[in-house]
Amino acid sequence: MRIGNPSELALQYQANQTTASRLLSIPHAQLKLRKNNQWNAVDCIQHLILTNTMLSRAMHEAVEARAAGNRASAPFFSFSLPAWMESWMLKQIEPPVRFKFKAPAVISPDSGIAEQSPKEILDAYVASHAPLLALLQKPIEQLERVRFIHPARSMNLSVIAGLSTIAAHDRRHLWQAERSVGMGREL
């Protein structure tokens, strides 16, 4: 997988929403089943909502700061990834999962969303894409040039790499969610 262009990414977000809609159409009790102390389907989607919301906020702030003539200040411990490493990282995120990463607490699911209906969960997931789709309307040069700090990983990424990473990350956890309810697709 490579860093995408805005129109390809918009289609990827739409495909991920379709996958989430299909997944959330199965009985709610099945979505909440937890096997081997792993995340269930609802946990996976809540993680995506939390992650997408956090990253879209960071990317929007960076774009707005750059438009105002300010450069976002990076914390001392952040590091900037070169473009080739952004592409390599993107490949590692794609399903099927080759490497597992522990989710930071700030984007780990809690039990609150489990009480929501599948429609409410889907609406929240789709809503988490709205600010990302708004960013995709920006000129590609701006998305490539502006960098932001990943709040949970302290990495300095281009906005287009962040948007591409979110699409891949969504596929990774939707794949995990499908497998948790026995809908696993082989890739």
Protein backbone atom coordinates (compact mmCIF):
# COMPACT_ATOMS: atom_id res chain seq x y z
CA MET A 1 0.00 0.00 0.00
CA ARG A 2 1.23 3.48 -0.81
CA ILE A 3 0.34 6.92 0.43
CA GLY A 4 -2.96 7.64 -1.34
CA ASN A 5 -4.26 10.59 -3.25
CA PRO A 6 -7.33 12.41 -1.92
CA SER A 7 -9.88 10.93 -4.34
CA GLU A 8 -8.60 7.36 -3.71
CA LEU A 9 -8.72 7.95 0.04
CA ALA A 10 -12.30 9.25 -0.09
CA LEU A 11 -13.28 6.01 -1.84
CA GLN A 12 -11.38 3.97 0.76
CA TYR A 13 -13.22 5.74 3.60
CA GLN A 14 -16.53 5.04 1.84
CA ALA A 15 -15.60 1.35 1.43
CA ASN A 16 -14.69 1.17 5.13
CA GLN A 17 -18.06 2.69 6.04
CA THR A 18 -19.80 0.07 3.87
CA THR A 19 -17.85 -2.68 5.64
CA ALA A 20 -18.80 -1.24 9.05
CA SER A 21 -22.46 -1.02 8.00
CA ARG A 22 -22.48 -4.67 6.87
CA LEU A 23 -20.72 -5.73 10.07
CA LEU A 24 -23.10 -3.79 12.31
CA SER A 25 -26.12 -5.40 10.64
CA ILE A 26 -25.57 -8.66 12.53
CA PRO A 27 -27.22 -9.20 15.94
CA HIS A 28 -25.90 -6.79 18.57
CA ALA A 29 -25.27 -9.58 21.07
CA GLN A 30 -22.92 -11.25 18.58
CA LEU A 31 -21.03 -7.96 18.11
CA LYS A 32 -20.35 -7.80 21.86
CA LEU A 33 -19.03 -11.36 22.20
CA ARG A 34 -15.48 -11.41 23.49
CA LYS A 35 -13.22 -14.34 22.62
CA ASN A 36 -9.89 -15.14 24.26
CA ASN A 37 -9.85 -11.79 26.10
CA GLN A 38 -9.51 -9.95 22.77
CA TRP A 39 -11.48 -6.97 21.55
CA ASN A 40 -14.95 -7.71 20.26
CA ALA A 41 -16.40 -6.04 17.14
CA VAL A 42 -17.82 -3.11 19.13
CA ASP A 43 -14.44 -2.55 20.82
CA CYS A 44 -12.73 -2.45 17.42
CA ILE A 45 -15.13 0.15 16.05
CA GLN A 46 -14.97 2.26 19.21
CA HIS A 47 -11.17 2.24 18.91
CA LEU A 48 -11.54 3.50 15.33
CA ILE A 49 -13.91 6.28 16.40
CA LEU A 50 -11.55 7.42 19.16
CA THR A 51 -8.48 7.23 16.92
CA ASN A 52 -10.10 8.97 13.95
CA THR A 53 -11.41 11.77 16.17
CA MET A 54 -8.04 12.31 17.88
CA LEU A 55 -6.04 12.27 14.64
CA SER A 56 -8.45 14.46 12.68
CA ARG A 57 -8.24 17.07 15.43
CA ALA A 58 -4.42 17.02 15.34
CA MET A 59 -4.35 17.25 11.54
CA HIS A 60 -6.91 20.10 11.41
CA GLU A 61 -4.94 22.04 14.03
CA ALA A 62 -1.72 21.63 12.01
CA VAL A 63 -3.40 22.72 8.76
CA GLU A 64 -5.00 25.74 10.46
CA ALA A 65 -1.74 26.71 12.17
CA ARG A 66 0.15 26.52 8.88
CA ALA A 67 -2.54 28.60 7.12
CA ALA A 68 -2.16 31.22 9.85
CA GLY A 69 1.60 31.28 9.24
CA ASN A 70 2.51 29.32 12.35
CA ARG A 71 4.41 26.10 12.40
CA ALA A 72 3.14 23.61 14.95
CA SER A 73 5.81 23.12 17.58
CA ALA A 74 6.86 19.53 17.98
CA PRO A 75 7.44 18.17 21.46
CA PHE A 76 11.04 17.33 22.25
CA PHE A 77 10.42 13.59 22.00
CA SER A 78 8.68 13.53 18.59
CA PHE A 79 10.46 12.32 15.50
CA SER A 80 9.77 12.98 11.85
CA LEU A 81 9.37 9.99 9.56
CA PRO A 82 10.78 10.20 6.03
CA ALA A 83 8.33 9.47 3.19
CA TRP A 84 9.70 5.96 2.55
CA MET A 85 9.19 5.06 6.20
CA GLU A 86 5.65 6.47 6.17
CA SER A 87 4.92 4.09 3.26
CA TRP A 88 6.57 1.15 5.05
CA MET A 89 4.58 1.89 8.23
CA LEU A 90 1.38 2.02 6.19
CA LYS A 91 2.09 -1.46 4.81
CA GLN A 92 2.54 -2.82 8.35
CA ILE A 93 -0.86 -1.52 9.40
CA GLU A 94 -2.79 -3.16 6.55
CA PRO A 95 -4.58 -6.46 7.20
CA PRO A 96 -3.89 -9.28 7.53
CA VAL A 97 -2.19 -8.38 10.77
CA ARG A 98 1.50 -9.22 10.84
CA PHE A 99 2.46 -7.18 13.88
CA LYS A 100 0.36 -6.33 16.89
CA PHE A 101 0.64 -2.93 18.51
CA LYS A 102 -0.72 -2.13 21.96
CA ALA A 103 -3.23 0.70 21.76
CA PRO A 104 -2.40 3.63 24.06
CA ALA A 105 -4.96 4.12 26.83
CA VAL A 106 -6.29 7.32 25.26
CA ILE A 107 -7.61 5.34 22.26
CA SER A 108 -8.45 2.07 23.98
CA PRO A 109 -12.12 1.12 23.96
CA ASP A 110 -14.22 1.31 27.09
CA SER A 111 -17.57 -0.26 27.81
CA GLY A 112 -19.67 2.87 27.17
CA ILE A 113 -20.28 2.32 23.47
CA ALA A 114 -21.37 -1.29 24.01
CA GLU A 115 -24.70 0.06 25.28
CA GLN A 116 -25.32 2.01 22.08
CA SER A 117 -27.35 0.53 19.26
CA PRO A 118 -25.57 -0.62 16.11
CA LYS A 119 -27.09 2.38 14.27
CA GLU A 120 -25.66 4.79 16.87
CA ILE A 121 -22.26 3.11 16.61
CA LEU A 122 -22.32 3.31 12.81
CA ASP A 123 -23.41 6.96 12.94
CA ALA A 124 -20.50 7.77 15.28
CA TYR A 125 -18.07 5.91 13.00
CA VAL A 126 -19.33 7.74 9.88
CA ALA A 127 -19.19 11.05 11.79
CA SER A 128 -15.54 10.35 12.69
CA HIS A 129 -14.82 10.38 8.94
CA ALA A 130 -16.48 13.77 8.26
CA PRO A 131 -13.51 15.94 9.33
CA LEU A 132 -11.15 13.59 7.46
CA LEU A 133 -13.18 13.94 4.28
CA ALA A 134 -13.08 17.73 4.76
CA LEU A 135 -9.28 17.58 4.87
CA LEU A 136 -9.29 15.61 1.62
CA GLN A 137 -10.83 18.69 -0.06
CA LYS A 138 -7.59 20.64 0.57
CA PRO A 139 -4.99 20.91 -2.21
CA ILE A 140 -2.71 17.84 -2.33
CA GLU A 141 0.36 20.08 -2.01
CA GLN A 142 -0.93 21.31 1.35
CA LEU A 143 -1.63 17.76 2.54
CA GLU A 144 1.88 16.69 1.57
CA ARG A 145 3.62 19.76 3.01
CA VAL A 146 1.85 20.19 6.36
CA ARG A 147 3.00 17.87 9.12
CA PHE A 148 1.31 17.02 12.40
CA ILE A 149 2.26 15.22 15.59
CA HIS A 150 0.48 11.89 16.12
CA PRO A 151 -0.82 12.51 19.67
CA ALA A 152 -0.59 8.89 20.82
CA ARG A 153 2.67 7.90 19.11
CA SER A 154 4.70 11.15 19.06
CA MET A 155 5.47 10.77 15.37
CA ASN A 156 5.65 13.70 13.00
CA LEU A 157 3.73 12.75 9.82
CA SER A 158 2.54 14.54 6.71
CA VAL A 159 -1.22 15.05 6.72
CA ILE A 160 -1.61 12.89 3.59
CA ALA A 161 0.31 10.09 5.34
CA GLY A 162 -1.96 10.49 8.35
CA LEU A 163 -5.07 10.28 6.18
CA SER A 164 -3.68 7.21 4.40
CA THR A 165 -2.78 5.61 7.73
CA ILE A 166 -6.32 6.11 9.04
CA ALA A 167 -7.81 4.34 6.00
CA ALA A 168 -5.44 1.39 6.50
CA HIS A 169 -5.94 1.38 10.27
CA ASP A 170 -9.72 1.28 9.75
CA ARG A 171 -9.33 -1.72 7.40
CA ARG A 172 -7.10 -3.46 9.97
CA HIS A 173 -9.64 -3.17 12.79
CA LEU A 174 -12.70 -3.81 10.61
CA TRP A 175 -10.93 -7.01 9.50
CA GLN A 176 -10.33 -7.84 13.19
CA ALA A 177 -13.98 -7.07 14.00
CA GLU A 178 -15.21 -9.33 11.18
CA ARG A 179 -13.01 -12.16 12.41
CA SER A 180 -14.32 -11.69 15.96
CA VAL A 181 -17.88 -12.43 14.77
CA GLY A 182 -16.96 -15.17 12.32
CA MET A 183 -17.24 -13.04 9.18
CA GLY A 184 -13.49 -13.11 8.55
CA ARG A 185 -12.47 -12.43 5.02
CA GLU A 186 -9.20 -13.85 3.88
CA LEU A 187 -6.83 -11.39 2.28
